[in-house]
PDB file of N, CA and C in Angstrom:
ATOM      1  N   MET A   1      50.906 127.303  92.349  1.00  0.00           N
ATOM      2  CA  MET A   1      52.104 128.792  91.373  1.00  0.00           C
ATOM      3  C   MET A   1      52.612 129.348  92.422  1.00  0.00           C
ATOM      4  N   SER A   2      52.807 129.022  93.468  1.00  0.00           N
ATOM      5  CA  SER A   2      53.598 129.987  94.708  1.00  0.00           C
ATOM      6  C   SER A   2      54.083 128.864  95.160  1.00  0.00           C
ATOM      7  N   GLU A   3      53.713 127.906  94.985  1.00  0.00           N
ATOM      8  CA  GLU A   3      54.792 126.529  95.059  1.00  0.00           C
ATOM      9  C   GLU A   3      56.343 126.627  93.823  1.00  0.00           C
ATOM     10  N   ALA A   4      55.963 126.561  92.833  1.00  0.00           N
ATOM     11  CA  ALA A   4      56.707 127.059  92.004  1.00  0.00           C
ATOM     12  C   ALA A   4      57.071 128.017  91.762  1.00  0.00           C
ATOM     13  N   VAL A   5      56.656 129.248  92.431  1.00  0.00           N
ATOM     14  CA  VAL A   5      58.557 130.258  92.582  1.00  0.00           C
ATOM     15  C   VAL A   5      59.166 130.375  93.617  1.00  0.00           C
ATOM     16  N   GLY A   6      58.416 129.508  95.191  1.00  0.00           N
ATOM     17  CA  GLY A   6      58.938 128.967  95.619  1.00  0.00           C
ATOM     18  C   GLY A   6      60.464 128.559  95.598  1.00  0.00           C
ATOM     19  N   PHE A   7      60.321 127.301  95.081  1.00  0.00           N
ATOM     20  CA  PHE A   7      60.650 126.261  94.560  1.00  0.00           C
ATOM     21  C   PHE A   7      62.517 126.709  93.953  1.00  0.00           C
ATOM     22  N   PHE A   8      61.809 128.016  93.090  1.00  0.00           N
ATOM     23  CA  PHE A   8      63.170 128.035  91.652  1.00  0.00           C
ATOM     24  C   PHE A   8      63.254 129.266  91.757  1.00  0.00           C
ATOM     25  N   ALA A   9      63.203 130.188  93.890  1.00  0.00           N
ATOM     26  CA  ALA A   9      63.820 131.286  93.940  1.00  0.00           C
ATOM     27  C   ALA A   9      64.879 130.420  95.014  1.00  0.00           C
ATOM     28  N   THR A  10      64.144 129.025  96.286  1.00  0.00           N
ATOM     29  CA  THR A  10      65.092 128.464  96.713  1.00  0.00           C
ATOM     30  C   THR A  10      66.322 127.674  95.664  1.00  0.00           C
ATOM     31  N   LEU A  11      65.818 127.204  94.464  1.00  0.00           N
ATOM     32  CA  LEU A  11      66.925 126.937  93.569  1.00  0.00           C
ATOM     33  C   LEU A  11      67.583 127.931  93.270  1.00  0.00           C
ATOM     34  N   ALA A  12      67.035 129.018  92.885  1.00  0.00           N
ATOM     35  CA  ALA A  12      68.025 129.966  92.465  1.00  0.00           C
ATOM     36  C   ALA A  12      69.105 130.792  93.733  1.00  0.00           C
ATOM     37  N   LEU A  13      69.397 131.417  94.807  1.00  0.00           N
ATOM     38  CA  LEU A  13      69.680 131.225  95.797  1.00  0.00           C
ATOM     39  C   LEU A  13      70.373 129.740  96.481  1.00  0.00           C
ATOM     40  N   ALA A  14      69.852 129.308  96.069  1.00  0.00           N
ATOM     41  CA  ALA A  14      71.184 127.266  96.020  1.00  0.00           C
ATOM     42  C   ALA A  14      72.623 127.309  94.872  1.00  0.00           C
ATOM     43  N   LEU A  15      72.482 128.019  94.011  1.00  0.00           N
ATOM     44  CA  LEU A  15      72.361 127.838  92.774  1.00  0.00           C
ATOM     45  C   LEU A  15      74.008 129.023  93.147  1.00  0.00           C
ATOM     46  N   THR A  16      73.349 130.408  93.482  1.00  0.00           N
ATOM     47  CA  THR A  16      74.265 131.379  93.467  1.00  0.00           C
ATOM     48  C   THR A  16      75.352 131.377  94.486  1.00  0.00           C
ATOM     49  N   LEU A  17      74.842 130.837  95.747  1.00  0.00           N
ATOM     50  CA  LEU A  17      75.621 129.621  96.975  1.00  0.00           C
ATOM     51  C   LEU A  17      76.931 129.514  96.432  1.00  0.00           C
ATOM     52  N   ILE A  18      76.421 127.946  95.558  1.00  0.00           N
ATOM     53  CA  ILE A  18      77.796 126.975  95.388  1.00  0.00           C
ATOM     54  C   ILE A  18      78.008 128.197  94.227  1.00  0.00           C
ATOM     55  N   LEU A  19      77.898 128.241  93.030  1.00  0.00           N
ATOM     56  CA  LEU A  19      78.927 129.872  92.426  1.00  0.00           C
ATOM     57  C   LEU A  19      79.496 130.189  93.474  1.00  0.00           C
ATOM     58  N   PHE A  20      79.587 131.100  94.324  1.00  0.00           N
ATOM     59  CA  PHE A  20      79.683 132.249  95.050  1.00  0.00           C
ATOM     60  C   PHE A  20      81.477 131.793  95.934  1.00  0.00           C
ATOM     61  N   ILE A  21      81.000 130.477  96.509  1.00  0.00           N
ATOM     62  CA  ILE A  21      81.930 129.935  97.553  1.00  0.00           C
ATOM     63  C   ILE A  21      82.462 128.990  96.072  1.00  0.00           C
ATOM     64  N   GLY A  22      82.814 128.589  95.505  1.00  0.00           N
ATOM     65  CA  GLY A  22      83.463 128.371  94.635  1.00  0.00           C
ATOM     66  C   GLY A  22      84.437 128.166  94.492  1.00  0.00           C
ATOM     67  N   LYS A  23      83.705 129.848  93.976  1.00  0.00           N
ATOM     68  CA  LYS A  23      84.544 130.379  93.351  1.00  0.00           C
ATOM     69  C   LYS A  23      86.348 131.413  94.384  1.00  0.00           C
ATOM     70  N   LYS A  24      85.248 131.593  95.275  1.00  0.00           N
ATOM     71  CA  LYS A  24      85.859 132.408  96.722  1.00  0.00           C
ATOM     72  C   LYS A  24      86.890 131.108  97.101  1.00  0.00           C
ATOM     73  N   ARG A  25      86.587 129.854  97.711  1.00  0.00           N
ATOM     74  CA  ARG A  25      87.141 128.714  97.199  1.00  0.00           C
ATOM     75  C   ARG A  25      88.777 128.366  95.962  1.00  0.00           C
ATOM     76  N   LYS A  26      88.396 128.795  94.587  1.00  0.00           N
ATOM     77  CA  LYS A  26      90.033 128.377  94.108  1.00  0.00           C
ATOM     78  C   LYS A  26      90.682 129.421  94.366  1.00  0.00           C
ATOM     79  N   GLY A  27      90.814 130.754  94.089  1.00  0.00           N
ATOM     80  CA  GLY A  27      91.806 130.900  94.331  1.00  0.00           C
ATOM     81  C   GLY A  27      92.642 130.651  95.390  1.00  0.00           C
ATOM     82  N   GLU A  28      91.802 129.515  96.828  1.00  0.00           N
ATOM     83  CA  GLU A  28      92.880 129.593  98.275  1.00  0.00           C
ATOM     84  C   GLU A  28      93.927 127.976  97.090  1.00  0.00           C
ATOM     85  N   SER A  29      95.157 128.030  98.218  1.00  0.00           N
ATOM     86  CA  SER A  29      95.585 126.678  97.232  1.00  0.00           C
ATOM     87  C   SER A  29      95.882 125.872  99.135  1.00  0.00           C
ATOM     88  N   ARG A  30      95.006 125.035  99.110  1.00  0.00           N
ATOM     89  CA  ARG A  30      95.319 123.639 100.018  1.00  0.00           C
ATOM     90  C   ARG A  30      96.023 123.376 100.720  1.00  0.00           C
ATOM     91  N   TYR A  31      97.672 123.295  99.254  1.00  0.00           N
ATOM     92  CA  TYR A  31      98.677 122.883 100.279  1.00  0.00           C
ATOM     93  C   TYR A  31      99.568 123.724  99.379  1.00  0.00           C
ATOM     94  N   GLU A  32     100.863 124.389 100.134  1.00  0.00           N
ATOM     95  CA  GLU A  32     102.039 125.186 100.544  1.00  0.00           C
ATOM     96  C   GLU A  32     102.296 123.578  99.494  1.00  0.00           C
ATOM     97  N   ARG A  33     102.585 124.463  97.984  1.00  0.00           N
ATOM     98  CA  ARG A  33     103.230 123.992  97.271  1.00  0.00           C
ATOM     99  C   ARG A  33     105.378 124.124  97.124  1.00  0.00           C
ATOM    100  N   THR A  34     105.675 123.871  97.055  1.00  0.00           N
ATOM    101  CA  THR A  34     106.986 123.997  96.313  1.00  0.00           C
ATOM    102  C   THR A  34     107.639 124.041  94.977  1.00  0.00           C
ATOM    103  N   PRO A  35     108.778 124.515  94.837  1.00  0.00           N
ATOM    104  CA  PRO A  35     109.535 124.432  92.250  1.00  0.00           C
ATOM    105  C   PRO A  35     108.724 122.856  92.705  1.00  0.00           C
ATOM    106  N   TYR A  36     108.216 122.517  91.795  1.00  0.00           N
ATOM    107  CA  TYR A  36     109.078 120.677  91.041  1.00  0.00           C
ATOM    108  C   TYR A  36     110.431 120.221  91.160  1.00  0.00           C
ATOM    109  N   SER A  37     110.321 119.499  91.523  1.00  0.00           N
ATOM    110  CA  SER A  37     112.067 118.966  91.677  1.00  0.00           C
ATOM    111  C   SER A  37     112.140 117.891  91.571  1.00  0.00           C
ATOM    112  N   THR A  38     112.906 117.167  91.269  1.00  0.00           N
ATOM    113  CA  THR A  38     112.601 115.537  91.306  1.00  0.00           C
ATOM    114  C   THR A  38     113.819 114.020  92.646  1.00  0.00           C
ATOM    115  N   ASN A  39     113.004 113.875  92.827  1.00  0.00           N
ATOM    116  CA  ASN A  39     114.331 113.046  93.549  1.00  0.00           C
ATOM    117  C   ASN A  39     114.492 111.317  92.895  1.00  0.00           C
ATOM    118  N   ASP A  40     116.298 110.665  93.714  1.00  0.00           N
ATOM    119  CA  ASP A  40     116.144 110.579  92.781  1.00  0.00           C
ATOM    120  C   ASP A  40     116.097 109.127  92.058  1.00  0.00           C
ATOM    121  N   TRP A  41     114.451 108.590  92.380  1.00  0.00           N
ATOM    122  CA  TRP A  41     114.016 107.397  92.373  1.00  0.00           C
ATOM    123  C   TRP A  41     113.200 107.799  91.848  1.00  0.00           C
ATOM    124  N   GLN A  42     112.536 109.512  91.227  1.00  0.00           N
ATOM    125  CA  GLN A  42     111.564 109.284  90.091  1.00  0.00           C
ATOM    126  C   GLN A  42     113.027 109.466  89.485  1.00  0.00           C
ATOM    127  N   LYS A  43     113.631 110.712  88.966  1.00  0.00           N
ATOM    128  CA  LYS A  43     115.010 109.963  88.417  1.00  0.00           C
ATOM    129  C   LYS A  43     114.819 108.906  86.710  1.00  0.00           C
ATOM    130  N   LEU A  44     115.617 107.487  88.019  1.00  0.00           N
ATOM    131  CA  LEU A  44     114.691 106.736  87.871  1.00  0.00           C
ATOM    132  C   LEU A  44     114.218 106.069  86.869  1.00  0.00           C
ATOM    133  N   ASP A  45     113.222 106.792  87.399  1.00  0.00           N
ATOM    134  CA  ASP A  45     111.228 105.716  86.676  1.00  0.00           C
ATOM    135  C   ASP A  45     110.962 106.462  85.224  1.00  0.00           C
ATOM    136  N   ARG A  46     112.202 107.543  85.314  1.00  0.00           N
ATOM    137  CA  ARG A  46     112.328 108.793  84.231  1.00  0.00           C
ATOM    138  C   ARG A  46     113.563 108.286  82.850  1.00  0.00           C
ATOM    139  N   GLY A  47     114.513 107.439  83.816  1.00  0.00           N
ATOM    140  CA  GLY A  47     115.307 107.324  83.041  1.00  0.00           C
ATOM    141  C   GLY A  47     116.041 108.084  82.912  1.00  0.00           C
ATOM    142  N   ILE A  48     116.232 108.784  83.321  1.00  0.00           N
ATOM    143  CA  ILE A  48     117.508 109.786  83.911  1.00  0.00           C
ATOM    144  C   ILE A  48     118.323 109.394  84.799  1.00  0.00           C
ATOM    145  N   ASP A  49     119.837 109.375  84.783  1.00  0.00           N
ATOM    146  CA  ASP A  49     121.097 108.953  85.326  1.00  0.00           C
ATOM    147  C   ASP A  49     121.060 109.862  86.498  1.00  0.00           C
ATOM    148  N   PRO A  50     120.414 109.944  87.759  1.00  0.00           N
ATOM    149  CA  PRO A  50     120.621 110.449  88.677  1.00  0.00           C
ATOM    150  C   PRO A  50     121.890 110.476  89.070  1.00  0.00           C
ATOM    151  N   THR A  51     122.559 109.876  88.603  1.00  0.00           N
ATOM    152  CA  THR A  51     124.369 110.108  89.378  1.00  0.00           C
ATOM    153  C   THR A  51     125.037 110.969  88.424  1.00  0.00           C
ATOM    154  N   SER A  52     124.645 111.684  87.207  1.00  0.00           N
ATOM    155  CA  SER A  52     125.071 113.169  86.363  1.00  0.00           C
ATOM    156  C   SER A  52     124.531 114.515  86.709  1.00  0.00           C
ATOM    157  N   ASN A  53     125.529 115.057  87.094  1.00  0.00           N
ATOM    158  CA  ASN A  53     124.943 116.125  87.618  1.00  0.00           C
ATOM    159  C   ASN A  53     125.040 117.410  86.703  1.00  0.00           C
ATOM    160  N   GLU A  54     123.202 116.862  86.517  1.00  0.00           N
ATOM    161  CA  GLU A  54     122.849 118.274  85.904  1.00  0.00           C
ATOM    162  C   GLU A  54     122.820 119.671  85.719  1.00  0.00           C
ATOM    163  N   SER A  55     124.119 120.843  86.560  1.00  0.00           N
ATOM    164  CA  SER A  55     124.668 120.976  86.879  1.00  0.00           C
ATOM    165  C   SER A  55     125.642 122.056  87.211  1.00  0.00           C
ATOM    166  N   LYS A  56     126.507 121.443  85.428  1.00  0.00           N
ATOM    167  CA  LYS A  56     127.403 122.032  85.562  1.00  0.00           C
ATOM    168  C   LYS A  56     128.702 122.885  85.409  1.00  0.00           C
ATOM    169  N   SER A  57     127.574 123.707  86.609  1.00  0.00           N
ATOM    170  CA  SER A  57     129.062 125.293  86.665  1.00  0.00           C
ATOM    171  C   SER A  57     130.360 125.025  86.660  1.00  0.00           C
ATOM    172  N   GLY A  58     131.053 123.785  86.330  1.00  0.00           N
ATOM    173  CA  GLY A  58     132.016 123.469  86.467  1.00  0.00           C
ATOM    174  C   GLY A  58     133.429 123.728  85.003  1.00  0.00           C
ATOM    175  N   GLU A  59     132.143 123.742  84.177  1.00  0.00           N
ATOM    176  CA  GLU A  59     132.612 123.318  82.610  1.00  0.00           C
ATOM    177  C   GLU A  59     131.507 124.869  82.198  1.00  0.00           C
TER     178      GLU A  59
END
């Protein structure tokens, strides 16, 4: 009986630590991310003409 109590106590402690560490790591970003932008090759892959000027400041 005492073995079962020890097992469940250890299990509860392990799950608590896993959840605590998981929540703590979730807030951290692994890499610095820049705002999403596409390069010319990605635009071609998506069927967008990269030679067209997206920001039409002159018009």
